[in-house]
Every structure is written in structure tokens, then in C-alpha cells.
N, C-alpha and C. Protein backbone atom coordinates (compact mmCIF):
# COMPACT_ATOMS: atom_id res chain seq x y z
N MET A 1 140.70 88.07 58.48
CA MET A 1 141.10 87.97 59.87
C MET A 1 140.67 89.24 60.58
N VAL A 2 140.27 89.09 61.81
CA VAL A 2 139.89 90.21 62.66
C VAL A 2 140.63 90.08 63.98
N VAL A 3 141.20 91.19 64.43
CA VAL A 3 141.86 91.26 65.75
C VAL A 3 141.21 92.40 66.51
N LEU A 4 140.80 92.11 67.72
CA LEU A 4 140.13 93.09 68.58
C LEU A 4 140.93 93.26 69.85
N VAL A 5 141.25 94.51 70.19
CA VAL A 5 141.95 94.82 71.43
C VAL A 5 141.07 95.81 72.18
N ALA A 6 140.79 95.51 73.45
CA ALA A 6 139.90 96.37 74.24
C ALA A 6 140.54 96.72 75.57
N ASN A 7 140.16 97.87 76.11
CA ASN A 7 140.56 98.20 77.47
C ASN A 7 139.79 97.34 78.46
N ASP A 8 138.48 97.22 78.24
CA ASP A 8 137.61 96.44 79.11
C ASP A 8 136.32 96.16 78.37
N LEU A 9 135.83 94.93 78.43
CA LEU A 9 134.58 94.57 77.77
C LEU A 9 133.58 94.05 78.79
N PRO A 10 132.29 94.35 78.60
CA PRO A 10 131.28 93.76 79.46
C PRO A 10 131.28 92.23 79.30
N MET A 11 130.97 91.52 80.36
CA MET A 11 131.00 90.05 80.32
C MET A 11 130.05 89.50 79.25
N LYS A 12 128.92 90.14 79.05
CA LYS A 12 127.95 89.69 78.03
C LYS A 12 128.59 89.72 76.64
N ILE A 13 129.32 90.79 76.32
CA ILE A 13 129.97 90.94 75.01
C ILE A 13 131.12 89.94 74.90
N ARG A 14 131.91 89.79 75.97
CA ARG A 14 133.04 88.85 75.96
C ARG A 14 132.57 87.43 75.69
N GLY A 15 131.49 87.03 76.35
CA GLY A 15 130.95 85.69 76.15
C GLY A 15 130.48 85.47 74.72
N ARG A 16 129.87 86.48 74.15
CA ARG A 16 129.38 86.38 72.77
C ARG A 16 130.55 86.29 71.78
N LEU A 17 131.61 87.06 72.03
CA LEU A 17 132.78 87.02 71.14
C LEU A 17 133.43 85.65 71.12
N LYS A 18 133.37 84.94 72.22
CA LYS A 18 134.03 83.63 72.29
C LYS A 18 133.38 82.59 71.37
N LEU A 19 132.24 82.94 70.76
CA LEU A 19 131.64 82.06 69.76
C LEU A 19 132.51 81.98 68.50
N TRP A 20 133.16 83.10 68.14
CA TRP A 20 133.92 83.18 66.90
C TRP A 20 135.40 83.45 67.08
N PHE A 21 135.80 83.91 68.24
CA PHE A 21 137.17 84.37 68.48
C PHE A 21 137.88 83.51 69.52
N THR A 22 139.19 83.47 69.43
CA THR A 22 140.00 82.94 70.54
C THR A 22 140.52 84.16 71.31
N GLU A 23 140.79 83.97 72.59
CA GLU A 23 141.24 85.07 73.44
C GLU A 23 142.62 84.71 74.01
N PRO A 24 143.70 85.01 73.26
CA PRO A 24 145.04 84.63 73.72
C PRO A 24 145.49 85.38 74.97
N ARG A 25 144.98 86.57 75.18
CA ARG A 25 145.23 87.37 76.39
C ARG A 25 143.92 88.03 76.77
N ALA A 26 143.84 88.51 77.98
CA ALA A 26 142.62 89.17 78.42
C ALA A 26 142.31 90.36 77.52
N ASN A 27 141.08 90.40 77.01
CA ASN A 27 140.58 91.47 76.16
C ASN A 27 141.32 91.63 74.84
N VAL A 28 141.94 90.54 74.36
CA VAL A 28 142.53 90.50 73.02
C VAL A 28 141.89 89.29 72.32
N PHE A 29 141.21 89.54 71.21
CA PHE A 29 140.48 88.49 70.50
C PHE A 29 140.97 88.41 69.06
N VAL A 30 141.10 87.17 68.55
CA VAL A 30 141.59 86.93 67.19
C VAL A 30 140.68 85.90 66.53
N SER A 31 140.34 86.15 65.25
CA SER A 31 139.50 85.21 64.52
C SER A 31 139.76 85.29 63.02
N GLY A 32 139.51 84.20 62.35
CA GLY A 32 139.62 84.12 60.89
C GLY A 32 138.26 84.02 60.24
N ILE A 33 137.26 84.72 60.75
CA ILE A 33 135.90 84.66 60.24
C ILE A 33 135.81 85.29 58.85
N THR A 34 134.75 84.94 58.14
CA THR A 34 134.54 85.49 56.79
C THR A 34 134.25 86.98 56.86
N ASP A 35 134.40 87.66 55.73
CA ASP A 35 134.16 89.09 55.67
C ASP A 35 132.73 89.45 56.08
N TYR A 36 131.77 88.64 55.65
CA TYR A 36 130.36 88.91 55.98
C TYR A 36 130.14 88.85 57.49
N VAL A 37 130.64 87.80 58.12
CA VAL A 37 130.48 87.65 59.57
C VAL A 37 131.28 88.74 60.29
N ALA A 38 132.47 89.05 59.79
CA ALA A 38 133.29 90.10 60.40
C ALA A 38 132.56 91.44 60.40
N ASP A 39 131.92 91.78 59.28
CA ASP A 39 131.18 93.04 59.21
C ASP A 39 130.02 93.06 60.20
N LYS A 40 129.34 91.93 60.36
CA LYS A 40 128.23 91.83 61.32
C LYS A 40 128.75 91.97 62.75
N VAL A 41 129.83 91.28 63.07
CA VAL A 41 130.39 91.33 64.42
C VAL A 41 130.89 92.74 64.74
N ILE A 42 131.59 93.36 63.81
CA ILE A 42 132.10 94.72 64.03
C ILE A 42 130.95 95.69 64.24
N SER A 43 129.91 95.59 63.43
CA SER A 43 128.74 96.44 63.58
C SER A 43 128.09 96.23 64.96
N TYR A 44 127.97 94.97 65.38
CA TYR A 44 127.40 94.65 66.70
C TYR A 44 128.24 95.29 67.82
N LEU A 45 129.56 95.16 67.72
CA LEU A 45 130.43 95.71 68.75
C LEU A 45 130.33 97.23 68.83
N LEU A 46 130.36 97.89 67.69
CA LEU A 46 130.31 99.35 67.66
C LEU A 46 128.98 99.89 68.17
N GLN A 47 127.90 99.12 68.01
CA GLN A 47 126.58 99.55 68.47
C GLN A 47 126.32 99.20 69.93
N ASN A 48 126.94 98.13 70.44
CA ASN A 48 126.56 97.63 71.76
C ASN A 48 127.60 97.78 72.85
N CYS A 49 128.82 98.12 72.52
CA CYS A 49 129.85 98.31 73.54
C CYS A 49 129.80 99.74 74.05
N PRO A 50 129.98 99.93 75.35
CA PRO A 50 130.06 101.29 75.87
C PRO A 50 131.39 101.93 75.48
N PRO A 51 131.45 103.26 75.44
CA PRO A 51 132.71 103.93 75.07
C PRO A 51 133.87 103.57 75.99
N GLU A 52 133.58 103.18 77.23
CA GLU A 52 134.64 102.80 78.17
C GLU A 52 135.39 101.54 77.73
N SER A 53 134.83 100.82 76.75
CA SER A 53 135.49 99.60 76.27
C SER A 53 136.82 99.90 75.60
N GLY A 54 136.95 101.07 74.99
CA GLY A 54 138.20 101.47 74.35
C GLY A 54 138.65 100.47 73.29
N LEU A 55 137.83 100.24 72.30
CA LEU A 55 138.10 99.22 71.28
C LEU A 55 139.01 99.71 70.17
N ILE A 56 139.90 98.84 69.73
CA ILE A 56 140.60 98.97 68.45
C ILE A 56 140.36 97.64 67.74
N ILE A 57 139.77 97.71 66.55
CA ILE A 57 139.47 96.50 65.78
C ILE A 57 140.25 96.58 64.47
N PHE A 58 141.02 95.55 64.17
CA PHE A 58 141.76 95.43 62.92
C PHE A 58 141.05 94.40 62.05
N LYS A 59 140.68 94.80 60.82
CA LYS A 59 140.05 93.88 59.88
C LYS A 59 140.90 93.84 58.62
N ASP A 60 141.22 92.64 58.15
CA ASP A 60 142.05 92.55 56.94
C ASP A 60 141.24 92.87 55.70
N LEU A 61 141.92 93.45 54.72
CA LEU A 61 141.33 93.79 53.42
C LEU A 61 142.18 93.17 52.32
N SER A 62 141.60 93.08 51.12
CA SER A 62 142.33 92.48 50.00
C SER A 62 143.09 93.50 49.17
N LYS A 63 143.01 94.79 49.55
CA LYS A 63 143.74 95.82 48.81
C LYS A 63 144.52 96.69 49.80
N PRO A 64 145.55 97.38 49.32
CA PRO A 64 146.38 98.18 50.23
C PRO A 64 145.54 99.20 51.00
N PRO A 65 145.86 99.41 52.23
CA PRO A 65 146.99 98.95 53.02
C PRO A 65 146.77 97.58 53.66
N PHE A 66 145.77 96.82 53.20
CA PHE A 66 145.47 95.45 53.60
C PHE A 66 144.87 95.32 55.00
N TYR A 67 144.47 96.43 55.60
CA TYR A 67 143.73 96.38 56.86
C TYR A 67 142.94 97.67 57.03
N ARG A 68 141.94 97.61 57.90
CA ARG A 68 141.18 98.80 58.28
C ARG A 68 141.04 98.77 59.79
N LEU A 69 141.16 99.95 60.40
CA LEU A 69 141.01 100.09 61.84
C LEU A 69 139.66 100.70 62.18
N TYR A 70 139.03 100.16 63.20
CA TYR A 70 137.81 100.74 63.76
C TYR A 70 138.12 101.02 65.22
N THR A 71 137.63 102.13 65.74
CA THR A 71 137.84 102.44 67.15
C THR A 71 136.52 102.85 67.79
N LEU A 72 136.45 102.67 69.09
CA LEU A 72 135.30 103.09 69.89
C LEU A 72 135.83 103.55 71.23
N GLY A 73 135.40 104.72 71.67
CA GLY A 73 135.86 105.24 72.94
C GLY A 73 137.30 105.70 72.84
N ILE A 74 137.99 105.64 73.96
CA ILE A 74 139.39 106.05 74.02
C ILE A 74 140.24 104.82 74.30
N PRO A 75 140.83 104.23 73.25
CA PRO A 75 141.68 103.06 73.46
C PRO A 75 142.98 103.46 74.16
N SER A 76 143.65 102.49 74.77
CA SER A 76 144.90 102.78 75.47
C SER A 76 146.01 103.18 74.50
N LYS A 77 145.92 102.81 73.24
CA LYS A 77 146.88 103.22 72.20
C LYS A 77 146.19 104.23 71.29
N LYS A 78 146.91 105.25 70.87
CA LYS A 78 146.35 106.28 70.01
C LYS A 78 146.44 105.86 68.55
N VAL A 79 145.35 106.07 67.81
CA VAL A 79 145.31 105.78 66.37
C VAL A 79 145.43 107.11 65.63
N VAL A 80 146.36 107.18 64.67
CA VAL A 80 146.58 108.39 63.90
C VAL A 80 146.42 108.09 62.41
N ASP A 81 146.09 109.12 61.66
CA ASP A 81 145.98 109.01 60.21
C ASP A 81 147.19 109.69 59.59
N PHE A 82 148.00 108.93 58.87
CA PHE A 82 149.21 109.45 58.23
C PHE A 82 149.06 109.30 56.73
N ASN A 83 148.70 110.38 56.05
CA ASN A 83 148.49 110.37 54.59
C ASN A 83 147.51 109.27 54.17
N GLY A 84 146.41 109.12 54.93
CA GLY A 84 145.40 108.12 54.60
C GLY A 84 145.67 106.74 55.14
N LEU A 85 146.80 106.53 55.78
CA LEU A 85 147.16 105.25 56.36
C LEU A 85 146.91 105.30 57.86
N GLN A 86 146.07 104.40 58.37
CA GLN A 86 145.79 104.38 59.80
C GLN A 86 146.90 103.63 60.53
N LEU A 87 147.47 104.28 61.55
CA LEU A 87 148.58 103.70 62.30
C LEU A 87 148.28 103.77 63.79
N VAL A 88 148.85 102.83 64.55
CA VAL A 88 148.75 102.85 66.00
C VAL A 88 150.02 103.47 66.52
N LEU A 89 149.90 104.56 67.26
CA LEU A 89 151.04 105.32 67.75
C LEU A 89 151.62 104.66 69.01
N GLU A 90 152.90 104.42 68.99
CA GLU A 90 153.63 103.85 70.12
C GLU A 90 154.61 104.90 70.63
N LYS A 91 154.89 104.86 71.91
CA LYS A 91 155.90 105.75 72.47
C LYS A 91 157.28 105.26 72.02
N ALA A 92 158.15 106.21 71.73
CA ALA A 92 159.52 105.85 71.32
C ALA A 92 160.28 105.34 72.53
N GLY A 93 161.11 104.31 72.33
CA GLY A 93 161.92 103.76 73.41
C GLY A 93 163.04 104.70 73.77
N THR A 94 163.48 104.65 75.02
CA THR A 94 164.56 105.52 75.46
C THR A 94 165.85 104.77 75.57
């Protein structure tokens, strides 16, 4: 499974993603594509999206921690590394 969250995507990239992904919300894409296709799509996105896209891509893995994060540009959520575990930092509620 691959989940992609973006700040903003060019229309050309968005249209291409709709071949393999569903878009439940604007600039949020979800797909159950195979690992081979996922690697190709992720490589395409990282090479062709401008940094302003602010991408966070979640790809599932078969071994712990069972996912890998890819980022491009400055996403709206901060990604941190905690003892080798990639986490998305959220503000604490008040």
C-alpha cells in the first residue's frame, strides 16, 4: 500500500496519479499497487515533482517498522527520526 500526502501537486502529476490511486481528499492519494509499481511511481514523483509539492509518501514494508517514509520539499507536517523510526510530528493538543 502507498499513501501520498502533498501540499500541492501540478495538474499533470495529479492526472497521472489517478491511474493507480484514489484521491479521497484533495492532494491525498491511496493505492494498493504492487511493490514494483510503487517503487516506479515513487521514483517518478521524487524526480518530477517540484519541491513546492511538499510530499510525504508512506510505503508499506514486510518487516518492522512496516513502513518507509519518503519526503520532498517542505511538507506541512514535520518528519523526524526517532532511534531509526521515522515519525510524523504533530502538535500536542491543549
